[in-house]
Amino acid sequence: MSHALAGVSRRRLDHGALNAVLLPHVLAFNAPAVASRYEAIKRELGWPAGTDLADAMVRLRERLALPARLGEFGVGSRDIERAAVFAESDHANRTNPRRADASDYLAIMRAAL
């Protein structure tokens, strides 16, 4: 989605900061497909089994004082509607652990808007 948003926006968007905004939403979306992997990540980080990985990433983003919403970059509804189509065809989509299409990407970006 970060690639797609950068491609449709008239603004210069920071790829890493976009990822920081989108990551908690992507983690929540992918959780049903990779719950065992999330447990392994939490073990490796020394976090309790009940830790919500998406919430932990939100707290990390807050501690780093990174933007919390796509709107903080000037991204709007038209941008995400266009980006959703590109995100579906992006090379990164092929390796996502849960099948995602343009409507999934649109829902994720709307939640992050």
PDB file of N, CA and C in Angstrom:
ATOM      1  N   MET A   1       0.817  -1.193   0.000  1.00  0.00           N
ATOM      2  CA  MET A   1       0.000   0.000   0.000  1.00  0.00           C
ATOM      3  C   MET A   1       0.858   1.251   0.000  1.00  0.00           C
ATOM      4  N   SER A   2       2.003   1.190   0.651  1.00  0.00           N
ATOM      5  CA  SER A   2       2.887   2.357   0.660  1.00  0.00           C
ATOM      6  C   SER A   2       3.372   2.675  -0.747  1.00  0.00           C
ATOM      7  N   HIS A   3       3.732   1.640  -1.506  1.00  0.00           N
ATOM      8  CA  HIS A   3       4.147   1.854  -2.891  1.00  0.00           C
ATOM      9  C   HIS A   3       3.014   2.502  -3.677  1.00  0.00           C
ATOM     10  N   ALA A   4       1.824   1.964  -3.526  1.00  0.00           N
ATOM     11  CA  ALA A   4       0.672   2.450  -4.274  1.00  0.00           C
ATOM     12  C   ALA A   4       0.328   3.887  -3.896  1.00  0.00           C
ATOM     13  N   LEU A   5       0.352   4.191  -2.612  1.00  0.00           N
ATOM     14  CA  LEU A   5       0.043   5.559  -2.179  1.00  0.00           C
ATOM     15  C   LEU A   5       1.055   6.554  -2.712  1.00  0.00           C
ATOM     16  N   ALA A   6       2.316   6.191  -2.685  1.00  0.00           N
ATOM     17  CA  ALA A   6       3.349   7.077  -3.221  1.00  0.00           C
ATOM     18  C   ALA A   6       3.156   7.283  -4.719  1.00  0.00           C
ATOM     19  N   GLY A   7       2.659   6.273  -5.391  1.00  0.00           N
ATOM     20  CA  GLY A   7       2.445   6.364  -6.829  1.00  0.00           C
ATOM     21  C   GLY A   7       1.278   7.239  -7.234  1.00  0.00           C
ATOM     22  N   VAL A   8       0.278   7.354  -6.389  1.00  0.00           N
ATOM     23  CA  VAL A   8      -0.911   8.136  -6.768  1.00  0.00           C
ATOM     24  C   VAL A   8      -0.919   9.530  -6.154  1.00  0.00           C
ATOM     25  N   SER A   9      -0.097   9.778  -5.176  1.00  0.00           N
ATOM     26  CA  SER A   9      -0.113  11.057  -4.492  1.00  0.00           C
ATOM     27  C   SER A   9       0.697  12.108  -5.243  1.00  0.00           C
ATOM     28  N   ARG A  10       0.239  13.331  -5.179  1.00  0.00           N
ATOM     29  CA  ARG A  10       0.993  14.449  -5.752  1.00  0.00           C
ATOM     30  C   ARG A  10       2.066  14.926  -4.777  1.00  0.00           C
ATOM     31  N   ARG A  11       1.973  14.443  -3.547  1.00  0.00           N
ATOM     32  CA  ARG A  11       2.945  14.822  -2.525  1.00  0.00           C
ATOM     33  C   ARG A  11       4.054  13.781  -2.451  1.00  0.00           C
ATOM     34  N   ARG A  12       5.168  14.193  -1.918  1.00  0.00           N
ATOM     35  CA  ARG A  12       6.254  13.250  -1.647  1.00  0.00           C
ATOM     36  C   ARG A  12       5.944  12.604  -0.297  1.00  0.00           C
ATOM     37  N   LEU A  13       5.723  11.296  -0.296  1.00  0.00           N
ATOM     38  CA  LEU A  13       5.349  10.576   0.917  1.00  0.00           C
ATOM     39  C   LEU A  13       6.516   9.736   1.407  1.00  0.00           C
ATOM     40  N   ASP A  14       6.745   9.766   2.702  1.00  0.00           N
ATOM     41  CA  ASP A  14       7.813   8.989   3.312  1.00  0.00           C
ATOM     42  C   ASP A  14       7.370   7.534   3.443  1.00  0.00           C
ATOM     43  N   HIS A  15       8.066   6.650   2.739  1.00  0.00           N
ATOM     44  CA  HIS A  15       7.692   5.231   2.697  1.00  0.00           C
ATOM     45  C   HIS A  15       7.666   4.602   4.095  1.00  0.00           C
ATOM     46  N   GLY A  16       8.694   4.851   4.881  1.00  0.00           N
ATOM     47  CA  GLY A  16       8.765   4.271   6.221  1.00  0.00           C
ATOM     48  C   GLY A  16       7.665   4.771   7.133  1.00  0.00           C
ATOM     49  N   ALA A  17       7.370   6.058   7.061  1.00  0.00           N
ATOM     50  CA  ALA A  17       6.308   6.616   7.900  1.00  0.00           C
ATOM     51  C   ALA A  17       4.942   6.073   7.473  1.00  0.00           C
ATOM     52  N   LEU A  18       4.736   5.904   6.171  1.00  0.00           N
ATOM     53  CA  LEU A  18       3.493   5.275   5.703  1.00  0.00           C
ATOM     54  C   LEU A  18       3.369   3.863   6.268  1.00  0.00           C
ATOM     55  N   ASN A  19       4.472   3.128   6.239  1.00  0.00           N
ATOM     56  CA  ASN A  19       4.452   1.769   6.786  1.00  0.00           C
ATOM     57  C   ASN A  19       4.107   1.775   8.271  1.00  0.00           C
ATOM     58  N   ALA A  20       4.613   2.756   9.007  1.00  0.00           N
ATOM     59  CA  ALA A  20       4.324   2.845  10.439  1.00  0.00           C
ATOM     60  C   ALA A  20       2.831   3.054  10.684  1.00  0.00           C
ATOM     61  N   VAL A  21       2.184   3.816   9.826  1.00  0.00           N
ATOM     62  CA  VAL A  21       0.739   4.038   9.957  1.00  0.00           C
ATOM     63  C   VAL A  21      -0.033   2.779   9.575  1.00  0.00           C
ATOM     64  N   LEU A  22       0.374   2.137   8.501  1.00  0.00           N
ATOM     65  CA  LEU A  22      -0.368   1.000   7.964  1.00  0.00           C
ATOM     66  C   LEU A  22      -0.111  -0.315   8.704  1.00  0.00           C
ATOM     67  N   LEU A  23       1.070  -0.473   9.283  1.00  0.00           N
ATOM     68  CA  LEU A  23       1.457  -1.758   9.879  1.00  0.00           C
ATOM     69  C   LEU A  23       0.443  -2.319  10.879  1.00  0.00           C
ATOM     70  N   PRO A  24      -0.042  -1.549  11.843  1.00  0.00           N
ATOM     71  CA  PRO A  24      -1.003  -2.150  12.779  1.00  0.00           C
ATOM     72  C   PRO A  24      -2.257  -2.693  12.086  1.00  0.00           C
ATOM     73  N   HIS A  25      -2.703  -1.992  11.059  1.00  0.00           N
ATOM     74  CA  HIS A  25      -3.897  -2.425  10.320  1.00  0.00           C
ATOM     75  C   HIS A  25      -3.612  -3.694   9.512  1.00  0.00           C
ATOM     76  N   VAL A  26      -2.422  -3.766   8.944  1.00  0.00           N
ATOM     77  CA  VAL A  26      -2.029  -4.950   8.173  1.00  0.00           C
ATOM     78  C   VAL A  26      -1.854  -6.148   9.106  1.00  0.00           C
ATOM     79  N   LEU A  27      -1.251  -5.920  10.266  1.00  0.00           N
ATOM     80  CA  LEU A  27      -1.104  -7.008  11.239  1.00  0.00           C
ATOM     81  C   LEU A  27      -2.466  -7.555  11.646  1.00  0.00           C
ATOM     82  N   ALA A  28      -3.418  -6.678  11.892  1.00  0.00           N
ATOM     83  CA  ALA A  28      -4.768  -7.122  12.259  1.00  0.00           C
ATOM     84  C   ALA A  28      -5.418  -7.892  11.108  1.00  0.00           C
ATOM     85  N   PHE A  29      -5.252  -7.407   9.884  1.00  0.00           N
ATOM     86  CA  PHE A  29      -5.827  -8.082   8.716  1.00  0.00           C
ATOM     87  C   PHE A  29      -5.243  -9.478   8.538  1.00  0.00           C
ATOM     88  N   ASN A  30      -3.925  -9.600   8.685  1.00  0.00           N
ATOM     89  CA  ASN A  30      -3.249 -10.875   8.448  1.00  0.00           C
ATOM     90  C   ASN A  30      -3.336 -11.860   9.616  1.00  0.00           C
ATOM     91  N   ALA A  31      -3.723 -11.399  10.782  1.00  0.00           N
ATOM     92  CA  ALA A  31      -3.726 -12.253  11.980  1.00  0.00           C
ATOM     93  C   ALA A  31      -4.439 -13.597  11.777  1.00  0.00           C
ATOM     94  N   PRO A  32      -5.605 -13.646  11.156  1.00  0.00           N
ATOM     95  CA  PRO A  32      -6.261 -14.949  11.000  1.00  0.00           C
ATOM     96  C   PRO A  32      -5.434 -15.975  10.211  1.00  0.00           C
ATOM     97  N   ALA A  33      -4.570 -15.488   9.340  1.00  0.00           N
ATOM     98  CA  ALA A  33      -3.789 -16.403   8.502  1.00  0.00           C
ATOM     99  C   ALA A  33      -2.452 -16.799   9.114  1.00  0.00           C
ATOM    100  N   VAL A  34      -1.981 -16.026  10.088  1.00  0.00           N
ATOM    101  CA  VAL A  34      -0.624 -16.267  10.583  1.00  0.00           C
ATOM    102  C   VAL A  34      -0.511 -16.159  12.112  1.00  0.00           C
ATOM    103  N   ALA A  35      -1.533 -16.538  12.807  1.00  0.00           N
ATOM    104  CA  ALA A  35      -1.532 -16.408  14.270  1.00  0.00           C
ATOM    105  C   ALA A  35      -0.333 -17.112  14.907  1.00  0.00           C
ATOM    106  N   SER A  36       0.051 -18.264  14.406  1.00  0.00           N
ATOM    107  CA  SER A  36       1.188 -18.978  14.999  1.00  0.00           C
ATOM    108  C   SER A  36       2.493 -18.202  14.791  1.00  0.00           C
ATOM    109  N   ARG A  37       2.632 -17.542  13.672  1.00  0.00           N
ATOM    110  CA  ARG A  37       3.831 -16.724  13.431  1.00  0.00           C
ATOM    111  C   ARG A  37       3.872 -15.529  14.381  1.00  0.00           C
ATOM    112  N   TYR A  38       2.711 -14.953  14.640  1.00  0.00           N
ATOM    113  CA  TYR A  38       2.647 -13.828  15.575  1.00  0.00           C
ATOM    114  C   TYR A  38       3.069 -14.284  16.970  1.00  0.00           C
ATOM    115  N   GLU A  39       2.668 -15.481  17.343  1.00  0.00           N
ATOM    116  CA  GLU A  39       3.071 -16.008  18.652  1.00  0.00           C
ATOM    117  C   GLU A  39       4.588 -16.172  18.707  1.00  0.00           C
ATOM    118  N   ALA A  40       5.180 -16.634  17.639  1.00  0.00           N
ATOM    119  CA  ALA A  40       6.639 -16.792  17.591  1.00  0.00           C
ATOM    120  C   ALA A  40       7.334 -15.433  17.688  1.00  0.00           C
ATOM    121  N   ILE A  41       6.803 -14.429  17.022  1.00  0.00           N
ATOM    122  CA  ILE A  41       7.382 -13.082  17.102  1.00  0.00           C
ATOM    123  C   ILE A  41       7.326 -12.574  18.540  1.00  0.00           C
ATOM    124  N   LYS A  42       6.192 -12.738  19.183  1.00  0.00           N
ATOM    125  CA  LYS A  42       6.051 -12.272  20.567  1.00  0.00           C
ATOM    126  C   LYS A  42       7.006 -13.006  21.505  1.00  0.00           C
ATOM    127  N   ARG A  43       7.167 -14.304  21.298  1.00  0.00           N
ATOM    128  CA  ARG A  43       8.124 -15.064  22.115  1.00  0.00           C
ATOM    129  C   ARG A  43       9.537 -14.531  21.941  1.00  0.00           C
ATOM    130  N   GLU A  44       9.925 -14.302  20.684  1.00  0.00           N
ATOM    131  CA  GLU A  44      11.271 -13.809  20.393  1.00  0.00           C
ATOM    132  C   GLU A  44      11.521 -12.432  21.006  1.00  0.00           C
ATOM    133  N   LEU A  45      10.481 -11.628  21.078  1.00  0.00           N
ATOM    134  CA  LEU A  45      10.614 -10.290  21.657  1.00  0.00           C
ATOM    135  C   LEU A  45      10.459 -10.303  23.177  1.00  0.00           C
ATOM    136  N   GLY A  46      10.123 -11.465  23.727  1.00  0.00           N
ATOM    137  CA  GLY A  46       9.949 -11.570  25.172  1.00  0.00           C
ATOM    138  C   GLY A  46       8.634 -10.976  25.663  1.00  0.00           C
ATOM    139  N   TRP A  47       7.653 -10.878  24.776  1.00  0.00           N
ATOM    140  CA  TRP A  47       6.351 -10.322  25.131  1.00  0.00           C
ATOM    141  C   TRP A  47       5.420 -11.440  25.579  1.00  0.00           C
ATOM    142  N   PRO A  48       4.510 -11.150  26.485  1.00  0.00           N
ATOM    143  CA  PRO A  48       3.536 -12.157  26.924  1.00  0.00           C
ATOM    144  C   PRO A  48       2.682 -12.665  25.755  1.00  0.00           C
ATOM    145  N   ALA A  49       2.259 -13.896  25.859  1.00  0.00           N
ATOM    146  CA  ALA A  49       1.466 -14.517  24.790  1.00  0.00           C
ATOM    147  C   ALA A  49       0.203 -13.727  24.475  1.00  0.00           C
ATOM    148  N   GLY A  50      -0.391 -13.077  25.451  1.00  0.00           N
ATOM    149  CA  GLY A  50      -1.637 -12.338  25.239  1.00  0.00           C
ATOM    150  C   GLY A  50      -1.460 -10.968  24.607  1.00  0.00           C
ATOM    151  N   THR A  51      -0.223 -10.579  24.332  1.00  0.00           N
ATOM    152  CA  THR A  51       0.031  -9.268  23.736  1.00  0.00           C
ATOM    153  C   THR A  51      -0.582  -9.198  22.349  1.00  0.00           C
ATOM    154  N   ASP A  52      -1.287  -8.107  22.075  1.00  0.00           N
ATOM    155  CA  ASP A  52      -1.826  -7.875  20.738  1.00  0.00           C
ATOM    156  C   ASP A  52      -0.722  -7.192  19.927  1.00  0.00           C
ATOM    157  N   LEU A  53      -0.247  -7.867  18.907  1.00  0.00           N
ATOM    158  CA  LEU A  53       0.893  -7.375  18.126  1.00  0.00           C
ATOM    159  C   LEU A  53       0.573  -6.037  17.457  1.00  0.00           C
ATOM    160  N   ALA A  54      -0.627  -5.891  16.926  1.00  0.00           N
ATOM    161  CA  ALA A  54      -1.007  -4.628  16.281  1.00  0.00           C
ATOM    162  C   ALA A  54      -1.005  -3.490  17.295  1.00  0.00           C
ATOM    163  N   ASP A  55      -1.566  -3.725  18.478  1.00  0.00           N
ATOM    164  CA  ASP A  55      -1.566  -2.692  19.520  1.00  0.00           C
ATOM    165  C   ASP A  55      -0.153  -2.346  19.963  1.00  0.00           C
ATOM    166  N   ALA A  56       0.712  -3.339  20.048  1.00  0.00           N
ATOM    167  CA  ALA A  56       2.098  -3.089  20.428  1.00  0.00           C
ATOM    168  C   ALA A  56       2.795  -2.205  19.401  1.00  0.00           C
ATOM    169  N   MET A  57       2.478  -2.385  18.124  1.00  0.00           N
ATOM    170  CA  MET A  57       3.069  -1.546  17.081  1.00  0.00           C
ATOM    171  C   MET A  57       2.522  -0.123  17.153  1.00  0.00           C
ATOM    172  N   VAL A  58       1.266   0.027  17.525  1.00  0.00           N
ATOM    173  CA  VAL A  58       0.701   1.370  17.719  1.00  0.00           C
ATOM    174  C   VAL A  58       1.454   2.083  18.834  1.00  0.00           C
ATOM    175  N   ARG A  59       1.689   1.392  19.931  1.00  0.00           N
ATOM    176  CA  ARG A  59       2.412   2.000  21.062  1.00  0.00           C
ATOM    177  C   ARG A  59       3.845   2.371  20.654  1.00  0.00           C
ATOM    178  N   LEU A  60       4.484   1.513  19.876  1.00  0.00           N
ATOM    179  CA  LEU A  60       5.829   1.820  19.402  1.00  0.00           C
ATOM    180  C   LEU A  60       5.814   3.057  18.503  1.00  0.00           C
ATOM    181  N   ARG A  61       4.867   3.114  17.592  1.00  0.00           N
ATOM    182  CA  ARG A  61       4.743   4.269  16.700  1.00  0.00           C
ATOM    183  C   ARG A  61       4.536   5.553  17.505  1.00  0.00           C
ATOM    184  N   GLU A  62       3.713   5.469  18.544  1.00  0.00           N
ATOM    185  CA  GLU A  62       3.473   6.631  19.398  1.00  0.00           C
ATOM    186  C   GLU A  62       4.743   7.058  20.124  1.00  0.00           C
ATOM    187  N   ARG A  63       5.492   6.075  20.646  1.00  0.00           N
ATOM    188  CA  ARG A  63       6.742   6.400  21.346  1.00  0.00           C
ATOM    189  C   ARG A  63       7.745   7.067  20.417  1.00  0.00           C
ATOM    190  N   LEU A  64       7.725   6.701  19.163  1.00  0.00           N
ATOM    191  CA  LEU A  64       8.636   7.281  18.180  1.00  0.00           C
ATOM    192  C   LEU A  64       8.105   8.585  17.587  1.00  0.00           C
ATOM    193  N   ALA A  65       6.910   8.982  18.009  1.00  0.00           N
ATOM    194  CA  ALA A  65       6.265  10.221  17.547  1.00  0.00           C
ATOM    195  C   ALA A  65       6.098  10.251  16.029  1.00  0.00           C
ATOM    196  N   LEU A  66       5.731   9.102  15.467  1.00  0.00           N
ATOM    197  CA  LEU A  66       5.450   9.015  14.039  1.00  0.00           C
ATOM    198  C   LEU A  66       3.973   9.315  13.798  1.00  0.00           C
ATOM    199  N   PRO A  67       3.619   9.749  12.597  1.00  0.00           N
ATOM    200  CA  PRO A  67       2.210  10.026  12.298  1.00  0.00           C
ATOM    201  C   PRO A  67       1.331   8.806  12.557  1.00  0.00           C
ATOM    202  N   ALA A  68       0.089   9.087  12.930  1.00  0.00           N
ATOM    203  CA  ALA A  68      -0.851   8.015  13.255  1.00  0.00           C
ATOM    204  C   ALA A  68      -1.892   7.763  12.167  1.00  0.00           C
ATOM    205  N   ARG A  69      -2.097   8.738  11.284  1.00  0.00           N
ATOM    206  CA  ARG A  69      -3.164   8.635  10.284  1.00  0.00           C
ATOM    207  C   ARG A  69      -2.619   9.019   8.912  1.00  0.00           C
ATOM    208  N   LEU A  70      -3.151   8.419   7.884  1.00  0.00           N
ATOM    209  CA  LEU A  70      -2.756   8.768   6.522  1.00  0.00           C
ATOM    210  C   LEU A  70      -3.081  10.223   6.202  1.00  0.00           C
ATOM    211  N   GLY A  71      -4.146  10.717   6.781  1.00  0.00           N
ATOM    212  CA  GLY A  71      -4.533  12.108   6.562  1.00  0.00           C
ATOM    213  C   GLY A  71      -3.456  13.096   6.978  1.00  0.00           C
ATOM    214  N   GLU A  72      -2.603  12.706   7.901  1.00  0.00           N
ATOM    215  CA  GLU A  72      -1.516  13.588   8.332  1.00  0.00           C
ATOM    216  C   GLU A  72      -0.493  13.821   7.219  1.00  0.00           C
ATOM    217  N   PHE A  73      -0.514  12.991   6.210  1.00  0.00           N
ATOM    218  CA  PHE A  73       0.364  13.146   5.044  1.00  0.00           C
ATOM    219  C   PHE A  73      -0.340  13.909   3.922  1.00  0.00           C
ATOM    220  N   GLY A  74      -1.605  14.237   4.131  1.00  0.00           N
ATOM    221  CA  GLY A  74      -2.382  14.863   3.072  1.00  0.00           C
ATOM    222  C   GLY A  74      -3.068  13.865   2.175  1.00  0.00           C
ATOM    223  N   VAL A  75      -3.038  12.585   2.546  1.00  0.00           N
ATOM    224  CA  VAL A  75      -3.710  11.536   1.777  1.00  0.00           C
ATOM    225  C   VAL A  75      -5.208  11.657   2.020  1.00  0.00           C
ATOM    226  N   GLY A  76      -5.985  11.594   0.948  1.00  0.00           N
ATOM    227  CA  GLY A  76      -7.434  11.696   1.048  1.00  0.00           C
ATOM    228  C   GLY A  76      -8.151  10.487   0.472  1.00  0.00           C
ATOM    229  N   SER A  77      -9.467  10.550   0.510  1.00  0.00           N
ATOM    230  CA  SER A  77     -10.308   9.434   0.042  1.00  0.00           C
ATOM    231  C   SER A  77     -10.043   9.066  -1.414  1.00  0.00           C
ATOM    232  N   ARG A  78      -9.897  10.076  -2.278  1.00  0.00           N
ATOM    233  CA  ARG A  78      -9.631   9.775  -3.698  1.00  0.00           C
ATOM    234  C   ARG A  78      -8.305   9.059  -3.865  1.00  0.00           C
ATOM    235  N   ASP A  79      -7.311   9.464  -3.058  1.00  0.00           N
ATOM    236  CA  ASP A  79      -5.997   8.812  -3.144  1.00  0.00           C
ATOM    237  C   ASP A  79      -6.094   7.333  -2.803  1.00  0.00           C
ATOM    238  N   ILE A  80      -6.791   7.012  -1.720  1.00  0.00           N
ATOM    239  CA  ILE A  80      -6.832   5.606  -1.306  1.00  0.00           C
ATOM    240  C   ILE A  80      -7.669   4.760  -2.252  1.00  0.00           C
ATOM    241  N   GLU A  81      -8.685   5.359  -2.853  1.00  0.00           N
ATOM    242  CA  GLU A  81      -9.481   4.600  -3.827  1.00  0.00           C
ATOM    243  C   GLU A  81      -8.622   4.209  -5.026  1.00  0.00           C
ATOM    244  N   ARG A  82      -7.794   5.129  -5.486  1.00  0.00           N
ATOM    245  CA  ARG A  82      -6.899   4.835  -6.613  1.00  0.00           C
ATOM    246  C   ARG A  82      -5.793   3.880  -6.179  1.00  0.00           C
ATOM    247  N   ALA A  83      -5.241   4.103  -4.994  1.00  0.00           N
ATOM    248  CA  ALA A  83      -4.130   3.275  -4.509  1.00  0.00           C
ATOM    249  C   ALA A  83      -4.544   1.826  -4.279  1.00  0.00           C
ATOM    250  N   ALA A  84      -5.773   1.592  -3.880  1.00  0.00           N
ATOM    251  CA  ALA A  84      -6.230   0.225  -3.596  1.00  0.00           C
ATOM    252  C   ALA A  84      -6.075  -0.683  -4.812  1.00  0.00           C
ATOM    253  N   VAL A  85      -6.369  -0.158  -5.978  1.00  0.00           N
ATOM    254  CA  VAL A  85      -6.245  -0.940  -7.211  1.00  0.00           C
ATOM    255  C   VAL A  85      -4.780  -1.269  -7.485  1.00  0.00           C
ATOM    256  N   PHE A  86      -3.917  -0.278  -7.293  1.00  0.00           N
ATOM    257  CA  PHE A  86      -2.484  -0.502  -7.506  1.00  0.00           C
ATOM    258  C   PHE A  86      -1.906  -1.452  -6.466  1.00  0.00           C
ATOM    259  N   ALA A  87      -2.379  -1.366  -5.239  1.00  0.00           N
ATOM    260  CA  ALA A  87      -1.870  -2.242  -4.171  1.00  0.00           C
ATOM    261  C   ALA A  87      -2.153  -3.702  -4.499  1.00  0.00           C
ATOM    262  N   GLU A  88      -3.311  -3.963  -5.093  1.00  0.00           N
ATOM    263  CA  GLU A  88      -3.642  -5.341  -5.447  1.00  0.00           C
ATOM    264  C   GLU A  88      -2.660  -5.903  -6.471  1.00  0.00           C
ATOM    265  N   SER A  89      -2.194  -5.075  -7.387  1.00  0.00           N
ATOM    266  CA  SER A  89      -1.286  -5.561  -8.428  1.00  0.00           C
ATOM    267  C   SER A  89       0.189  -5.388  -8.057  1.00  0.00           C
ATOM    268  N   ASP A  90       0.475  -4.802  -6.900  1.00  0.00           N
ATOM    269  CA  ASP A  90       1.856  -4.589  -6.474  1.00  0.00           C
ATOM    270  C   ASP A  90       2.548  -5.929  -6.215  1.00  0.00           C
ATOM    271  N   HIS A  91       3.846  -5.985  -6.502  1.00  0.00           N
ATOM    272  CA  HIS A  91       4.601  -7.228  -6.305  1.00  0.00           C
ATOM    273  C   HIS A  91       4.570  -7.699  -4.845  1.00  0.00           C
ATOM    274  N   ALA A  92       4.449  -6.800  -3.898  1.00  0.00           N
ATOM    275  CA  ALA A  92       4.416  -7.189  -2.482  1.00  0.00           C
ATOM    276  C   ALA A  92       3.149  -7.968  -2.123  1.00  0.00           C
ATOM    277  N   ASN A  93       2.100  -7.793  -2.896  1.00  0.00           N
ATOM    278  CA  ASN A  93       0.851  -8.501  -2.609  1.00  0.00           C
ATOM    279  C   ASN A  93       1.009 -10.010  -2.778  1.00  0.00           C
ATOM    280  N   ARG A  94       1.869 -10.418  -3.675  1.00  0.00           N
ATOM    281  CA  ARG A  94       2.050 -11.855  -3.930  1.00  0.00           C
ATOM    282  C   ARG A  94       2.592 -12.605  -2.719  1.00  0.00           C
ATOM    283  N   THR A  95       3.309 -11.906  -1.848  1.00  0.00           N
ATOM    284  CA  THR A  95       3.896 -12.577  -0.690  1.00  0.00           C
ATOM    285  C   THR A  95       3.135 -12.307   0.601  1.00  0.00           C
ATOM    286  N   ASN A  96       2.025 -11.608   0.522  1.00  0.00           N
ATOM    287  CA  ASN A  96       1.230 -11.361   1.729  1.00  0.00           C
ATOM    288  C   ASN A  96       0.649 -12.691   2.215  1.00  0.00           C
ATOM    289  N   PRO A  97       0.700 -12.954   3.513  1.00  0.00           N
ATOM    290  CA  PRO A  97       0.244 -14.260   4.007  1.00  0.00           C
ATOM    291  C   PRO A  97      -1.261 -14.495   3.886  1.00  0.00           C
ATOM    292  N   ARG A  98      -2.018 -13.437   3.687  1.00  0.00           N
ATOM    293  CA  ARG A  98      -3.471 -13.574   3.503  1.00  0.00           C
ATOM    294  C   ARG A  98      -3.839 -12.917   2.182  1.00  0.00           C
ATOM    295  N   ARG A  99      -4.601 -13.632   1.391  1.00  0.00           N
ATOM    296  CA  ARG A  99      -5.030 -13.095   0.088  1.00  0.00           C
ATOM    297  C   ARG A  99      -5.739 -11.772   0.299  1.00  0.00           C
ATOM    298  N   ALA A 100      -5.326 -10.775  -0.452  1.00  0.00           N
ATOM    299  CA  ALA A 100      -5.929  -9.452  -0.357  1.00  0.00           C
ATOM    300  C   ALA A 100      -6.238  -8.937  -1.755  1.00  0.00           C
ATOM    301  N   ASP A 101      -7.390  -8.313  -1.893  1.00  0.00           N
ATOM    302  CA  ASP A 101      -7.736  -7.698  -3.169  1.00  0.00           C
ATOM    303  C   ASP A 101      -7.945  -6.199  -2.935  1.00  0.00           C
ATOM    304  N   ALA A 102      -8.327  -5.500  -3.973  1.00  0.00           N
ATOM    305  CA  ALA A 102      -8.456  -4.041  -3.884  1.00  0.00           C
ATOM    306  C   ALA A 102      -9.438  -3.623  -2.794  1.00  0.00           C
ATOM    307  N   SER A 103     -10.510  -4.373  -2.614  1.00  0.00           N
ATOM    308  CA  SER A 103     -11.478  -3.997  -1.575  1.00  0.00           C
ATOM    309  C   SER A 103     -10.885  -4.165  -0.177  1.00  0.00           C
ATOM    310  N   ASP A 104     -10.037  -5.174   0.009  1.00  0.00           N
ATOM    311  CA  ASP A 104      -9.354  -5.335   1.296  1.00  0.00           C
ATOM    312  C   ASP A 104      -8.412  -4.163   1.552  1.00  0.00           C
ATOM    313  N   TYR A 105      -7.639  -3.814   0.535  1.00  0.00           N
ATOM    314  CA  TYR A 105      -6.699  -2.702   0.685  1.00  0.00           C
ATOM    315  C   TYR A 105      -7.434  -1.388   0.931  1.00  0.00           C
ATOM    316  N   LEU A 106      -8.541  -1.206   0.263  1.00  0.00           N
ATOM    317  CA  LEU A 106      -9.327   0.010   0.484  1.00  0.00           C
ATOM    318  C   LEU A 106      -9.827   0.068   1.929  1.00  0.00           C
ATOM    319  N   ALA A 107     -10.307  -1.049   2.444  1.00  0.00           N
ATOM    320  CA  ALA A 107     -10.793  -1.087   3.828  1.00  0.00           C
ATOM    321  C   ALA A 107      -9.658  -0.797   4.822  1.00  0.00           C
ATOM    322  N   ILE A 108      -8.502  -1.356   4.569  1.00  0.00           N
ATOM    323  CA  ILE A 108      -7.352  -1.109   5.454  1.00  0.00           C
ATOM    324  C   ILE A 108      -6.977   0.367   5.421  1.00  0.00           C
ATOM    325  N   MET A 109      -6.896   0.936   4.237  1.00  0.00           N
ATOM    326  CA  MET A 109      -6.506   2.348   4.132  1.00  0.00           C
ATOM    327  C   MET A 109      -7.572   3.272   4.702  1.00  0.00           C
ATOM    328  N   ARG A 110      -8.845   2.916   4.533  1.00  0.00           N
ATOM    329  CA  ARG A 110      -9.911   3.733   5.151  1.00  0.00           C
ATOM    330  C   ARG A 110      -9.754   3.724   6.670  1.00  0.00           C
ATOM    331  N   ALA A 111      -9.436   2.583   7.230  1.00  0.00           N
ATOM    332  CA  ALA A 111      -9.240   2.498   8.688  1.00  0.00           C
ATOM    333  C   ALA A 111      -8.056   3.338   9.135  1.00  0.00           C
ATOM    334  N   ALA A 112      -7.064   3.503   8.256  1.00  0.00           N
ATOM    335  CA  ALA A 112      -5.861   4.268   8.593  1.00  0.00           C
ATOM    336  C   ALA A 112      -5.980   5.741   8.221  1.00  0.00           C
ATOM    337  N   LEU A 113      -7.044   6.118   7.535  1.00  0.00           N
ATOM    338  CA  LEU A 113      -7.204   7.490   7.066  1.00  0.00           C
ATOM    339  C   LEU A 113      -7.453   8.422   8.240  1.00  0.00           C
TER     340      LEU A 113
END
